[in-house]
Amino acid sequence: MGHVLTACGSPSPAAAAIRVTAPPRLVSLLNVAFAVTSMVGGILPTLDSSIPTSPYVTTISFTFYPACATA
């Protein structure tokens, strides 16, 4: 599970940020914003359930890329 969260916590938000902007500083800021949003957005629904966190986090994280690619 840790590998899945690590794998979707870094490259997916970074790839989405690169699709939206070019300056390195903005890419870094968007990367952090996308990663934090996917982690917090994935943890909150699992607080009251027995479903693992990783499916939520990976779904939210990977959703950023198609959304940014079409923008």
Protein backbone atom coordinates (compact mmCIF):
# COMPACT_ATOMS: atom_id res chain seq x y z
CA MET A 1 0.00 0.00 0.00
CA GLY A 2 2.79 2.43 0.76
CA HIS A 3 4.28 1.94 -2.68
CA VAL A 4 0.96 2.73 -4.35
CA LEU A 5 0.55 5.92 -2.36
CA THR A 6 4.12 6.96 -3.10
CA ALA A 7 3.78 6.18 -6.78
CA CYS A 8 0.63 8.24 -7.18
CA GLY A 9 1.64 10.98 -4.76
CA SER A 10 4.54 12.32 -6.80
CA PRO A 11 4.53 11.59 -10.54
CA SER A 12 0.84 12.00 -11.32
CA PRO A 13 0.42 15.47 -9.78
CA ALA A 14 3.74 16.55 -11.28
CA ALA A 15 2.71 15.40 -14.76
CA ALA A 16 -0.60 17.22 -14.39
CA ALA A 17 1.16 20.40 -13.26
CA ILE A 18 3.54 20.27 -16.22
CA ARG A 19 0.56 20.03 -18.60
CA VAL A 20 -0.90 23.25 -17.20
CA THR A 21 2.13 25.52 -16.74
CA ALA A 22 5.80 25.76 -17.70
CA PRO A 23 7.69 27.85 -15.11
CA PRO A 24 9.40 25.51 -12.61
CA ARG A 25 8.21 27.46 -9.59
CA LEU A 26 4.57 27.21 -10.63
CA VAL A 27 4.98 23.54 -11.51
CA SER A 28 6.28 22.90 -7.99
CA LEU A 29 3.43 24.81 -6.36
CA LEU A 30 0.78 23.06 -8.45
CA ASN A 31 2.43 19.70 -7.81
CA VAL A 32 2.22 20.20 -4.06
CA ALA A 33 -1.37 21.49 -4.30
CA PHE A 34 -2.48 18.51 -6.40
CA ALA A 35 -0.67 16.01 -4.15
CA VAL A 36 -2.07 17.45 -0.91
CA THR A 37 -5.56 17.61 -2.41
CA SER A 38 -5.41 13.99 -3.50
CA MET A 39 -4.04 12.79 -0.15
CA VAL A 40 -6.50 14.73 2.00
CA GLY A 41 -9.36 14.02 -0.41
CA GLY A 42 -8.53 10.33 -0.25
CA ILE A 43 -8.14 10.15 3.51
CA LEU A 44 -11.33 11.98 4.48
CA PRO A 45 -13.83 9.49 2.97
CA THR A 46 -12.08 6.57 4.67
CA LEU A 47 -12.25 7.95 8.19
CA ASP A 48 -15.67 6.41 8.77
CA SER A 49 -15.32 3.24 6.68
CA SER A 50 -13.30 0.07 6.46
CA ILE A 51 -12.26 0.70 2.84
CA PRO A 52 -8.51 1.32 2.42
CA THR A 53 -7.24 4.79 1.63
CA SER A 54 -5.21 3.92 -1.46
CA PRO A 55 -8.11 3.50 -3.97
CA TYR A 56 -9.42 6.94 -3.14
CA VAL A 57 -6.03 8.61 -3.25
CA THR A 58 -5.02 7.00 -6.54
CA THR A 59 -8.34 7.82 -8.20
CA ILE A 60 -8.17 11.47 -7.21
CA SER A 61 -4.49 11.72 -8.10
CA PHE A 62 -4.88 10.15 -11.54
CA THR A 63 -7.98 12.27 -12.26
CA PHE A 64 -5.87 15.43 -12.21
CA TYR A 65 -3.90 14.40 -15.30
CA PRO A 66 -6.81 13.97 -17.76
CA ALA A 67 -8.45 17.08 -16.33
CA CYS A 68 -5.29 19.12 -16.91
CA ALA A 69 -4.57 17.51 -20.28
CA THR A 70 -7.93 18.64 -21.63
CA ALA A 71 -7.63 22.15 -20.20
